[in-house]
Amino acid sequence: MGSITKLAKIKSFFLYAVLLYSCSSENKIVNEVNVVYRQREELLDCFEGLSVFRRGEIIQLNIYNSRLSNEYFFLEEKNNGKRSIAFLRDSLQFDISTLRKFSGISKEYSDQEEFRTRILPHLLDKMQELNIVSFTSEFSSHGVTLKIYLQEYELLVISNINAIKNDQWRDYIQDSSQIDDHWFWRKI
């Protein structure tokens, strides 16, 4: 009889543990988010201050310098699995060589060519590797360093939560799940 009650106690303990785990699973990071989060340092280095949006075959790359933005538009075509990127147009508000990230771009080598052949393919490869649909730094003036969009989720990078003054952003962050002091995620 003692072994039956002992067995019942063990079953109860495991049932309680499973119940407790399932209740806390809402705060558990889903795999797609975790894959991106594990590469957070590289992504911040690569994506911060930039935005990439896709609209069909058109790719828009924005580079931010404070409240100024340079916009570059490209056409991406794939033929036999090989990617080709053609420059379409740009709208420039500042000299990108003033940014530390792009200080290596020489004046002789056009911005468009550098982006078309080196920078944009690197960004697109990283996005494809991590199933990132798009990302943006356009909200950095509001305290949101980076916003990354996946198919079903989005991640927010907040450098200083106390710097968020806008009530809408505060509510948005409050409704998100927190990964660490700077990273948040939510289902779209």
C-alpha atoms as a PDB file:
ATOM      1  CA  MET A   1       0.000   0.000   0.000  1.00  0.00           C
ATOM      2  CA  GLY A   2       2.901   2.362   0.779  1.00  0.00           C
ATOM      3  CA  SER A   3       4.353   1.916  -2.714  1.00  0.00           C
ATOM      4  CA  ILE A   4       0.975   2.847  -4.276  1.00  0.00           C
ATOM      5  CA  THR A   5       0.798   6.145  -2.349  1.00  0.00           C
ATOM      6  CA  LYS A   6       4.419   6.805  -3.188  1.00  0.00           C
ATOM      7  CA  LEU A   7       3.650   6.185  -6.881  1.00  0.00           C
ATOM      8  CA  ALA A   8       0.601   8.471  -6.632  1.00  0.00           C
ATOM      9  CA  LYS A   9       2.768  11.224  -5.093  1.00  0.00           C
ATOM     10  CA  ILE A  10       5.331  10.893  -7.890  1.00  0.00           C
ATOM     11  CA  LYS A  11       2.575  11.063 -10.518  1.00  0.00           C
ATOM     12  CA  SER A  12       1.099  14.115  -8.785  1.00  0.00           C
ATOM     13  CA  PHE A  13       4.506  15.783  -8.698  1.00  0.00           C
ATOM     14  CA  PHE A  14       5.069  15.203 -12.425  1.00  0.00           C
ATOM     15  CA  LEU A  15       1.535  16.359 -13.245  1.00  0.00           C
ATOM     16  CA  TYR A  16       2.137  19.520 -11.209  1.00  0.00           C
ATOM     17  CA  ALA A  17       5.500  20.085 -12.948  1.00  0.00           C
ATOM     18  CA  VAL A  18       3.931  19.683 -16.410  1.00  0.00           C
ATOM     19  CA  LEU A  19       1.101  22.046 -15.460  1.00  0.00           C
ATOM     20  CA  LEU A  20       3.539  24.617 -14.105  1.00  0.00           C
ATOM     21  CA  TYR A  21       5.693  24.344 -17.256  1.00  0.00           C
ATOM     22  CA  SER A  22       2.713  24.743 -19.586  1.00  0.00           C
ATOM     23  CA  CYS A  23       1.511  27.827 -17.700  1.00  0.00           C
ATOM     24  CA  SER A  24       4.915  29.431 -18.008  1.00  0.00           C
ATOM     25  CA  SER A  25       5.358  28.461 -21.667  1.00  0.00           C
ATOM     26  CA  GLU A  26       3.834  31.779 -22.732  1.00  0.00           C
ATOM     27  CA  ASN A  27       7.079  33.424 -21.639  1.00  0.00           C
ATOM     28  CA  LYS A  28       9.116  30.746 -23.372  1.00  0.00           C
ATOM     29  CA  ILE A  29      10.884  32.036 -26.460  1.00  0.00           C
ATOM     30  CA  VAL A  30       9.655  30.375 -29.646  1.00  0.00           C
ATOM     31  CA  ASN A  31      12.320  28.762 -31.814  1.00  0.00           C
ATOM     32  CA  GLU A  32      12.199  31.314 -34.683  1.00  0.00           C
ATOM     33  CA  VAL A  33      12.740  34.159 -32.221  1.00  0.00           C
ATOM     34  CA  ASN A  34      15.466  32.301 -30.342  1.00  0.00           C
ATOM     35  CA  VAL A  35      17.416  31.610 -33.547  1.00  0.00           C
ATOM     36  CA  VAL A  36      17.529  35.359 -34.252  1.00  0.00           C
ATOM     37  CA  TYR A  37      18.233  36.281 -30.628  1.00  0.00           C
ATOM     38  CA  ARG A  38      21.252  33.958 -30.448  1.00  0.00           C
ATOM     39  CA  GLN A  39      22.891  36.061 -33.174  1.00  0.00           C
ATOM     40  CA  ARG A  40      21.937  39.390 -31.576  1.00  0.00           C
ATOM     41  CA  GLU A  41      25.427  40.896 -31.435  1.00  0.00           C
ATOM     42  CA  GLU A  42      26.157  40.187 -35.087  1.00  0.00           C
ATOM     43  CA  LEU A  43      22.691  41.413 -36.117  1.00  0.00           C
ATOM     44  CA  LEU A  44      23.044  44.662 -34.211  1.00  0.00           C
ATOM     45  CA  ASP A  45      26.427  45.254 -35.793  1.00  0.00           C
ATOM     46  CA  CYS A  46      25.054  44.446 -39.242  1.00  0.00           C
ATOM     47  CA  PHE A  47      21.506  45.944 -39.117  1.00  0.00           C
ATOM     48  CA  GLU A  48      21.667  48.909 -36.732  1.00  0.00           C
ATOM     49  CA  GLY A  49      21.077  52.213 -38.511  1.00  0.00           C
ATOM     50  CA  LEU A  50      19.604  50.470 -41.567  1.00  0.00           C
ATOM     51  CA  SER A  51      16.268  49.239 -42.899  1.00  0.00           C
ATOM     52  CA  VAL A  52      15.570  46.674 -45.593  1.00  0.00           C
ATOM     53  CA  PHE A  53      12.079  46.181 -46.982  1.00  0.00           C
ATOM     54  CA  ARG A  54      10.993  43.930 -49.844  1.00  0.00           C
ATOM     55  CA  ARG A  55       8.080  44.716 -52.117  1.00  0.00           C
ATOM     56  CA  GLY A  56       8.000  41.891 -54.606  1.00  0.00           C
ATOM     57  CA  GLU A  57      11.228  42.135 -56.617  1.00  0.00           C
ATOM     58  CA  ILE A  58      11.918  45.663 -55.347  1.00  0.00           C
ATOM     59  CA  ILE A  59      14.237  46.033 -52.364  1.00  0.00           C
ATOM     60  CA  GLN A  60      14.419  49.282 -50.429  1.00  0.00           C
ATOM     61  CA  LEU A  61      17.521  49.961 -48.342  1.00  0.00           C
ATOM     62  CA  ASN A  62      17.456  52.936 -45.979  1.00  0.00           C
ATOM     63  CA  ILE A  63      20.464  54.284 -44.125  1.00  0.00           C
ATOM     64  CA  TYR A  64      19.815  56.607 -41.188  1.00  0.00           C
ATOM     65  CA  ASN A  65      21.874  59.415 -39.754  1.00  0.00           C
ATOM     66  CA  SER A  66      19.908  60.933 -36.899  1.00  0.00           C
ATOM     67  CA  ARG A  67      16.633  62.038 -38.520  1.00  0.00           C
ATOM     68  CA  LEU A  68      18.030  61.994 -42.072  1.00  0.00           C
ATOM     69  CA  SER A  69      17.571  58.999 -44.355  1.00  0.00           C
ATOM     70  CA  ASN A  70      19.180  57.894 -47.599  1.00  0.00           C
ATOM     71  CA  GLU A  71      16.926  55.611 -49.628  1.00  0.00           C
ATOM     72  CA  TYR A  72      18.221  53.186 -52.247  1.00  0.00           C
ATOM     73  CA  PHE A  73      15.966  51.089 -54.462  1.00  0.00           C
ATOM     74  CA  PHE A  74      17.097  47.908 -56.206  1.00  0.00           C
ATOM     75  CA  LEU A  75      15.560  45.278 -58.443  1.00  0.00           C
ATOM     76  CA  GLU A  76      16.345  41.695 -57.461  1.00  0.00           C
ATOM     77  CA  GLU A  77      16.030  38.977 -60.047  1.00  0.00           C
ATOM     78  CA  LYS A  78      16.765  35.310 -59.634  1.00  0.00           C
ATOM     79  CA  ASN A  79      17.734  33.200 -62.611  1.00  0.00           C
ATOM     80  CA  ASN A  80      18.625  29.527 -62.159  1.00  0.00           C
ATOM     81  CA  GLY A  81      19.065  30.113 -58.421  1.00  0.00           C
ATOM     82  CA  LYS A  82      21.531  32.953 -58.987  1.00  0.00           C
ATOM     83  CA  ARG A  83      20.699  36.397 -57.644  1.00  0.00           C
ATOM     84  CA  SER A  84      21.273  39.565 -59.628  1.00  0.00           C
ATOM     85  CA  ILE A  85      20.684  43.013 -58.172  1.00  0.00           C
ATOM     86  CA  ALA A  86      20.235  46.116 -60.302  1.00  0.00           C
ATOM     87  CA  PHE A  87      20.241  49.664 -58.970  1.00  0.00           C
ATOM     88  CA  LEU A  88      17.007  51.576 -59.724  1.00  0.00           C
ATOM     89  CA  ARG A  89      17.187  54.942 -57.959  1.00  0.00           C
ATOM     90  CA  ASP A  90      18.110  56.710 -54.760  1.00  0.00           C
ATOM     91  CA  SER A  91      17.113  59.690 -52.651  1.00  0.00           C
ATOM     92  CA  LEU A  92      20.038  61.075 -50.672  1.00  0.00           C
ATOM     93  CA  GLN A  93      19.973  63.448 -47.707  1.00  0.00           C
ATOM     94  CA  PHE A  94      23.550  63.039 -46.405  1.00  0.00           C
ATOM     95  CA  ASP A  95      27.009  61.742 -47.301  1.00  0.00           C
ATOM     96  CA  ILE A  96      27.161  58.171 -45.975  1.00  0.00           C
ATOM     97  CA  SER A  97      30.948  58.211 -45.687  1.00  0.00           C
ATOM     98  CA  THR A  98      30.426  60.357 -42.571  1.00  0.00           C
ATOM     99  CA  LEU A  99      29.044  57.262 -40.811  1.00  0.00           C
ATOM    100  CA  ARG A 100      31.618  55.001 -39.166  1.00  0.00           C
ATOM    101  CA  LYS A 101      29.911  51.918 -40.618  1.00  0.00           C
ATOM    102  CA  PHE A 102      30.432  53.191 -44.178  1.00  0.00           C
ATOM    103  CA  SER A 103      33.647  55.161 -43.842  1.00  0.00           C
ATOM    104  CA  GLY A 104      35.436  52.633 -46.078  1.00  0.00           C
ATOM    105  CA  ILE A 105      33.367  53.469 -49.162  1.00  0.00           C
ATOM    106  CA  SER A 106      35.583  55.525 -51.407  1.00  0.00           C
ATOM    107  CA  LYS A 107      34.342  58.494 -53.396  1.00  0.00           C
ATOM    108  CA  GLU A 108      35.569  56.890 -56.649  1.00  0.00           C
ATOM    109  CA  TYR A 109      33.504  53.757 -56.063  1.00  0.00           C
ATOM    110  CA  SER A 110      29.844  54.746 -56.180  1.00  0.00           C
ATOM    111  CA  ASP A 111      27.565  54.099 -53.225  1.00  0.00           C
ATOM    112  CA  GLN A 112      25.130  52.249 -55.475  1.00  0.00           C
ATOM    113  CA  GLU A 113      27.789  49.870 -56.768  1.00  0.00           C
ATOM    114  CA  GLU A 114      29.091  49.134 -53.258  1.00  0.00           C
ATOM    115  CA  PHE A 115      25.573  48.443 -51.985  1.00  0.00           C
ATOM    116  CA  ARG A 116      24.613  46.420 -55.068  1.00  0.00           C
ATOM    117  CA  THR A 117      27.658  44.144 -55.054  1.00  0.00           C
ATOM    118  CA  ARG A 118      28.681  43.837 -51.414  1.00  0.00           C
ATOM    119  CA  ILE A 119      26.486  45.328 -48.688  1.00  0.00           C
ATOM    120  CA  LEU A 120      22.969  44.438 -49.853  1.00  0.00           C
ATOM    121  CA  PRO A 121      23.799  40.809 -50.767  1.00  0.00           C
ATOM    122  CA  HIS A 122      25.339  40.365 -47.292  1.00  0.00           C
ATOM    123  CA  LEU A 123      22.198  41.772 -45.625  1.00  0.00           C
ATOM    124  CA  LEU A 124      19.889  39.653 -47.796  1.00  0.00           C
ATOM    125  CA  ASP A 125      21.896  36.479 -47.106  1.00  0.00           C
ATOM    126  CA  LYS A 126      21.741  37.110 -43.347  1.00  0.00           C
ATOM    127  CA  MET A 127      17.993  37.786 -43.575  1.00  0.00           C
ATOM    128  CA  GLN A 128      17.419  34.576 -45.550  1.00  0.00           C
ATOM    129  CA  GLU A 129      19.566  32.534 -43.145  1.00  0.00           C
ATOM    130  CA  LEU A 130      17.426  33.660 -40.182  1.00  0.00           C
ATOM    131  CA  ASN A 131      14.048  33.857 -41.981  1.00  0.00           C
ATOM    132  CA  ILE A 132      13.876  37.614 -41.450  1.00  0.00           C
ATOM    133  CA  VAL A 133      11.250  39.250 -43.661  1.00  0.00           C
ATOM    134  CA  SER A 134      12.456  42.817 -43.068  1.00  0.00           C
ATOM    135  CA  PHE A 135      14.041  45.001 -40.417  1.00  0.00           C
ATOM    136  CA  THR A 136      14.109  48.687 -39.620  1.00  0.00           C
ATOM    137  CA  SER A 137      15.957  51.251 -37.543  1.00  0.00           C
ATOM    138  CA  GLU A 138      13.519  54.011 -38.477  1.00  0.00           C
ATOM    139  CA  PHE A 139      12.153  54.221 -34.926  1.00  0.00           C
ATOM    140  CA  SER A 140      15.524  54.863 -33.257  1.00  0.00           C
ATOM    141  CA  SER A 141      14.567  58.488 -32.552  1.00  0.00           C
ATOM    142  CA  HIS A 142      11.782  57.023 -30.366  1.00  0.00           C
ATOM    143  CA  GLY A 143      14.222  54.766 -28.504  1.00  0.00           C
ATOM    144  CA  VAL A 144      13.603  51.601 -30.552  1.00  0.00           C
ATOM    145  CA  THR A 145      17.064  50.731 -31.857  1.00  0.00           C
ATOM    146  CA  LEU A 146      15.923  47.963 -34.190  1.00  0.00           C
ATOM    147  CA  LYS A 147      12.691  46.223 -35.143  1.00  0.00           C
ATOM    148  CA  ILE A 148      13.010  42.842 -36.849  1.00  0.00           C
ATOM    149  CA  TYR A 149      10.075  41.202 -38.633  1.00  0.00           C
ATOM    150  CA  LEU A 150       9.765  37.438 -39.006  1.00  0.00           C
ATOM    151  CA  GLN A 151       6.807  35.645 -40.632  1.00  0.00           C
ATOM    152  CA  GLU A 152       4.759  35.452 -37.421  1.00  0.00           C
ATOM    153  CA  TYR A 153       6.807  37.395 -34.873  1.00  0.00           C
ATOM    154  CA  GLU A 154       8.657  40.636 -34.419  1.00  0.00           C
ATOM    155  CA  LEU A 155      11.577  41.506 -32.199  1.00  0.00           C
ATOM    156  CA  LEU A 156      12.345  44.899 -30.698  1.00  0.00           C
ATOM    157  CA  VAL A 157      15.753  46.051 -29.545  1.00  0.00           C
ATOM    158  CA  ILE A 158      15.598  48.814 -26.949  1.00  0.00           C
ATOM    159  CA  SER A 159      18.939  50.311 -25.903  1.00  0.00           C
ATOM    160  CA  ASN A 160      17.484  52.206 -22.948  1.00  0.00           C
ATOM    161  CA  ILE A 161      13.942  51.407 -21.827  1.00  0.00           C
ATOM    162  CA  ASN A 162      13.884  54.621 -19.763  1.00  0.00           C
ATOM    163  CA  ALA A 163      14.439  56.659 -22.938  1.00  0.00           C
ATOM    164  CA  ILE A 164      11.053  55.551 -24.338  1.00  0.00           C
ATOM    165  CA  LYS A 165       8.811  58.565 -23.759  1.00  0.00           C
ATOM    166  CA  ASN A 166       6.065  57.874 -26.293  1.00  0.00           C
ATOM    167  CA  ASP A 167       3.082  56.210 -24.559  1.00  0.00           C
ATOM    168  CA  GLN A 168       2.221  54.130 -27.628  1.00  0.00           C
ATOM    169  CA  TRP A 169       5.718  52.645 -27.729  1.00  0.00           C
ATOM    170  CA  ARG A 170       5.653  52.064 -23.964  1.00  0.00           C
ATOM    171  CA  ASP A 171       2.357  50.162 -24.312  1.00  0.00           C
ATOM    172  CA  TYR A 172       3.685  48.254 -27.312  1.00  0.00           C
ATOM    173  CA  ILE A 173       6.757  47.160 -25.367  1.00  0.00           C
ATOM    174  CA  GLN A 174       4.663  46.375 -22.276  1.00  0.00           C
ATOM    175  CA  ASP A 175       2.517  44.025 -24.398  1.00  0.00           C
ATOM    176  CA  SER A 176       5.640  42.211 -25.641  1.00  0.00           C
ATOM    177  CA  SER A 177       7.522  39.383 -23.961  1.00  0.00           C
ATOM    178  CA  GLN A 178      10.925  40.314 -22.602  1.00  0.00           C
ATOM    179  CA  ILE A 179      13.969  38.213 -23.454  1.00  0.00           C
ATOM    180  CA  ASP A 180      16.571  40.320 -21.647  1.00  0.00           C
ATOM    181  CA  ASP A 181      17.026  43.981 -20.683  1.00  0.00           C
ATOM    182  CA  HIS A 182      17.146  45.084 -24.323  1.00  0.00           C
ATOM    183  CA  TRP A 183      15.324  42.472 -26.446  1.00  0.00           C
ATOM    184  CA  PHE A 184      11.557  41.961 -26.644  1.00  0.00           C
ATOM    185  CA  TRP A 185       9.360  39.868 -28.916  1.00  0.00           C
ATOM    186  CA  ARG A 186       5.714  39.422 -29.783  1.00  0.00           C
ATOM    187  CA  LYS A 187       3.444  37.535 -32.129  1.00  0.00           C
ATOM    188  CA  ILE A 188       2.266  39.651 -35.054  1.00  0.00           C
END
